[in-house]
Amino acid sequence: MREYVAGGRSGWNKVVTTKHGLDLVEGIRLMSDKNYSAATDKLSECVPHVIKMMHGSKAQKSIFSLIVLHCALLSGSKEHLCFAEQHMKDIMVWNNVTTLPPLQRRLWDRIQLEHSKH
């Protein structure tokens, strides 16, 4: 991965991978190891930037949001639940919408439920 990032490419993909690619891959690796707290810490730092910087459809970008939201929910910490709540509000602003699509709405409801337990 480091060799790929250092390669002679150019364009938005090079910028995104150079600035956030290693953290993104590390966060996803931590998630696959079921270390949701560390994954959320890593991903919450890079995913908002990746979403803003990358080109692609809302559906393509939403995959990264769903990953970090899933980790935040499974980590169960109040700090991560607060991040998830704020990230979902940011998504609505970025997408210029006032309501969440069904999948994100279900995540929102689950985050609110977990938040109420703290």
C-alpha atoms as a PDB file:
ATOM      1  CA  MET A   1       0.000   0.000   0.000  1.00  0.00           C
ATOM      2  CA  ARG A   2       2.775   2.421   0.869  1.00  0.00           C
ATOM      3  CA  GLU A   3       4.386   1.788  -2.539  1.00  0.00           C
ATOM      4  CA  TYR A   4       1.065   2.396  -4.273  1.00  0.00           C
ATOM      5  CA  VAL A   5       0.546   5.663  -2.410  1.00  0.00           C
ATOM      6  CA  ALA A   6       4.073   6.819  -3.234  1.00  0.00           C
ATOM      7  CA  GLY A   7       3.643   5.890  -6.925  1.00  0.00           C
ATOM      8  CA  GLY A   8       3.755   8.294  -9.847  1.00  0.00           C
ATOM      9  CA  ARG A   9       0.006   8.798 -10.215  1.00  0.00           C
ATOM     10  CA  SER A  10      -1.799  12.130 -10.173  1.00  0.00           C
ATOM     11  CA  GLY A  11      -5.337  13.411  -9.708  1.00  0.00           C
ATOM     12  CA  TRP A  12      -7.931  13.299  -6.948  1.00  0.00           C
ATOM     13  CA  ASN A  13      -7.394   9.564  -6.313  1.00  0.00           C
ATOM     14  CA  LYS A  14      -3.699  10.167  -5.587  1.00  0.00           C
ATOM     15  CA  VAL A  15      -4.574  13.030  -3.234  1.00  0.00           C
ATOM     16  CA  VAL A  16      -7.151  10.970  -1.313  1.00  0.00           C
ATOM     17  CA  THR A  17      -4.949   7.889  -1.024  1.00  0.00           C
ATOM     18  CA  THR A  18      -1.900   9.921  -0.047  1.00  0.00           C
ATOM     19  CA  LYS A  19      -3.688  11.832   2.696  1.00  0.00           C
ATOM     20  CA  HIS A  20      -6.110   9.201   4.025  1.00  0.00           C
ATOM     21  CA  GLY A  21      -5.654   5.848   2.293  1.00  0.00           C
ATOM     22  CA  LEU A  22      -3.442   4.186   4.869  1.00  0.00           C
ATOM     23  CA  ASP A  23      -5.687   5.250   7.760  1.00  0.00           C
ATOM     24  CA  LEU A  24      -8.748   4.052   5.871  1.00  0.00           C
ATOM     25  CA  VAL A  25      -7.236   0.633   5.186  1.00  0.00           C
ATOM     26  CA  GLU A  26      -5.972   0.350   8.771  1.00  0.00           C
ATOM     27  CA  GLY A  27      -9.431   1.247  10.109  1.00  0.00           C
ATOM     28  CA  ILE A  28     -11.091  -1.373   7.925  1.00  0.00           C
ATOM     29  CA  ARG A  29      -8.509  -3.942   9.044  1.00  0.00           C
ATOM     30  CA  LEU A  30      -9.255  -3.100  12.687  1.00  0.00           C
ATOM     31  CA  MET A  31     -12.956  -3.530  11.948  1.00  0.00           C
ATOM     32  CA  SER A  32     -12.345  -6.955  10.395  1.00  0.00           C
ATOM     33  CA  ASP A  33     -10.466  -7.880  13.602  1.00  0.00           C
ATOM     34  CA  LYS A  34     -13.592  -6.818  15.543  1.00  0.00           C
ATOM     35  CA  ASN A  35     -11.648  -4.057  17.281  1.00  0.00           C
ATOM     36  CA  TYR A  36     -14.520  -1.622  16.796  1.00  0.00           C
ATOM     37  CA  SER A  37     -13.299   1.013  19.222  1.00  0.00           C
ATOM     38  CA  ALA A  38      -9.886   1.378  17.569  1.00  0.00           C
ATOM     39  CA  ALA A  39     -11.514   1.148  14.122  1.00  0.00           C
ATOM     40  CA  THR A  40     -13.879   3.989  14.983  1.00  0.00           C
ATOM     41  CA  ASP A  41     -11.007   6.097  16.290  1.00  0.00           C
ATOM     42  CA  LYS A  42      -9.066   5.573  13.057  1.00  0.00           C
ATOM     43  CA  LEU A  43     -12.005   5.856  10.648  1.00  0.00           C
ATOM     44  CA  SER A  44     -13.658   8.848  12.304  1.00  0.00           C
ATOM     45  CA  GLU A  45     -10.516  10.847  11.561  1.00  0.00           C
ATOM     46  CA  CYS A  46     -10.357  10.011   7.858  1.00  0.00           C
ATOM     47  CA  VAL A  47     -13.817   9.062   6.545  1.00  0.00           C
ATOM     48  CA  PRO A  48     -15.316  12.597   6.578  1.00  0.00           C
ATOM     49  CA  HIS A  49     -12.315  13.825   4.552  1.00  0.00           C
ATOM     50  CA  VAL A  50     -12.457  10.891   2.142  1.00  0.00           C
ATOM     51  CA  ILE A  51     -16.143  11.532   1.495  1.00  0.00           C
ATOM     52  CA  LYS A  52     -15.544  15.220   0.809  1.00  0.00           C
ATOM     53  CA  MET A  53     -12.480  14.644  -1.391  1.00  0.00           C
ATOM     54  CA  MET A  54     -13.418  11.633  -3.486  1.00  0.00           C
ATOM     55  CA  HIS A  55     -15.373  11.732  -6.700  1.00  0.00           C
ATOM     56  CA  GLY A  56     -18.250   9.342  -7.066  1.00  0.00           C
ATOM     57  CA  SER A  57     -21.923   8.913  -6.459  1.00  0.00           C
ATOM     58  CA  LYS A  58     -23.636   9.366  -3.112  1.00  0.00           C
ATOM     59  CA  ALA A  59     -24.026   5.584  -3.011  1.00  0.00           C
ATOM     60  CA  GLN A  60     -20.291   5.054  -3.455  1.00  0.00           C
ATOM     61  CA  LYS A  61     -19.446   7.603  -0.793  1.00  0.00           C
ATOM     62  CA  SER A  62     -22.075   6.277   1.600  1.00  0.00           C
ATOM     63  CA  ILE A  63     -20.248   2.948   1.875  1.00  0.00           C
ATOM     64  CA  PHE A  64     -17.517   4.648   3.904  1.00  0.00           C
ATOM     65  CA  SER A  65     -20.080   6.319   6.133  1.00  0.00           C
ATOM     66  CA  LEU A  66     -21.861   3.031   6.731  1.00  0.00           C
ATOM     67  CA  ILE A  67     -18.575   1.378   7.719  1.00  0.00           C
ATOM     68  CA  VAL A  68     -17.654   4.040  10.283  1.00  0.00           C
ATOM     69  CA  LEU A  69     -21.218   4.231  11.621  1.00  0.00           C
ATOM     70  CA  HIS A  70     -21.330   0.458  12.023  1.00  0.00           C
ATOM     71  CA  CYS A  71     -18.032   0.503  13.944  1.00  0.00           C
ATOM     72  CA  ALA A  72     -19.187   3.381  16.152  1.00  0.00           C
ATOM     73  CA  LEU A  73     -22.386   1.550  16.980  1.00  0.00           C
ATOM     74  CA  LEU A  74     -20.601  -1.705  17.780  1.00  0.00           C
ATOM     75  CA  SER A  75     -17.937   0.013  19.882  1.00  0.00           C
ATOM     76  CA  GLY A  76     -20.743   1.195  22.150  1.00  0.00           C
ATOM     77  CA  SER A  77     -18.797   4.081  23.662  1.00  0.00           C
ATOM     78  CA  LYS A  78     -20.655   7.307  24.311  1.00  0.00           C
ATOM     79  CA  GLU A  79     -17.963   9.258  22.449  1.00  0.00           C
ATOM     80  CA  HIS A  80     -18.337   7.074  19.363  1.00  0.00           C
ATOM     81  CA  LEU A  81     -22.134   7.263  19.496  1.00  0.00           C
ATOM     82  CA  CYS A  82     -21.853  11.077  19.640  1.00  0.00           C
ATOM     83  CA  PHE A  83     -19.546  10.968  16.613  1.00  0.00           C
ATOM     84  CA  ALA A  84     -22.041   8.750  14.754  1.00  0.00           C
ATOM     85  CA  GLU A  85     -24.896  11.103  15.538  1.00  0.00           C
ATOM     86  CA  GLN A  86     -22.936  14.131  14.337  1.00  0.00           C
ATOM     87  CA  HIS A  87     -21.690  12.301  11.243  1.00  0.00           C
ATOM     88  CA  MET A  88     -25.246  11.465  10.243  1.00  0.00           C
ATOM     89  CA  LYS A  89     -26.245  15.115  10.665  1.00  0.00           C
ATOM     90  CA  ASP A  90     -23.265  16.086   8.502  1.00  0.00           C
ATOM     91  CA  ILE A  91     -24.339  13.606   5.821  1.00  0.00           C
ATOM     92  CA  MET A  92     -27.741  15.296   5.639  1.00  0.00           C
ATOM     93  CA  VAL A  93     -26.071  18.690   5.221  1.00  0.00           C
ATOM     94  CA  TRP A  94     -23.617  17.417   2.576  1.00  0.00           C
ATOM     95  CA  ASN A  95     -26.459  15.773   0.648  1.00  0.00           C
ATOM     96  CA  ASN A  96     -28.761  18.762   1.122  1.00  0.00           C
ATOM     97  CA  VAL A  97     -31.587  16.649   2.545  1.00  0.00           C
ATOM     98  CA  THR A  98     -33.794  16.979   5.600  1.00  0.00           C
ATOM     99  CA  THR A  99     -34.579  13.283   6.067  1.00  0.00           C
ATOM    100  CA  LEU A 100     -32.423  10.189   6.003  1.00  0.00           C
ATOM    101  CA  PRO A 101     -32.870   7.359   3.508  1.00  0.00           C
ATOM    102  CA  PRO A 102     -34.319   4.137   5.024  1.00  0.00           C
ATOM    103  CA  LEU A 103     -31.007   2.382   5.762  1.00  0.00           C
ATOM    104  CA  GLN A 104     -29.465   5.429   7.410  1.00  0.00           C
ATOM    105  CA  ARG A 105     -32.728   6.030   9.261  1.00  0.00           C
ATOM    106  CA  ARG A 106     -32.547   2.543  10.769  1.00  0.00           C
ATOM    107  CA  LEU A 107     -28.951   3.219  11.814  1.00  0.00           C
ATOM    108  CA  TRP A 108     -29.991   6.559  13.305  1.00  0.00           C
ATOM    109  CA  ASP A 109     -32.756   4.874  15.316  1.00  0.00           C
ATOM    110  CA  ARG A 110     -30.345   2.226  16.565  1.00  0.00           C
ATOM    111  CA  ILE A 111     -27.743   4.863  17.513  1.00  0.00           C
ATOM    112  CA  GLN A 112     -30.412   6.795  19.403  1.00  0.00           C
ATOM    113  CA  LEU A 113     -31.465   3.613  21.206  1.00  0.00           C
ATOM    114  CA  GLU A 114     -27.876   2.832  22.242  1.00  0.00           C
ATOM    115  CA  HIS A 115     -27.325   6.454  23.233  1.00  0.00           C
ATOM    116  CA  SER A 116     -30.355   6.327  25.534  1.00  0.00           C
ATOM    117  CA  LYS A 117     -28.736   3.444  27.440  1.00  0.00           C
ATOM    118  CA  HIS A 118     -25.771   5.619  28.488  1.00  0.00           C
END
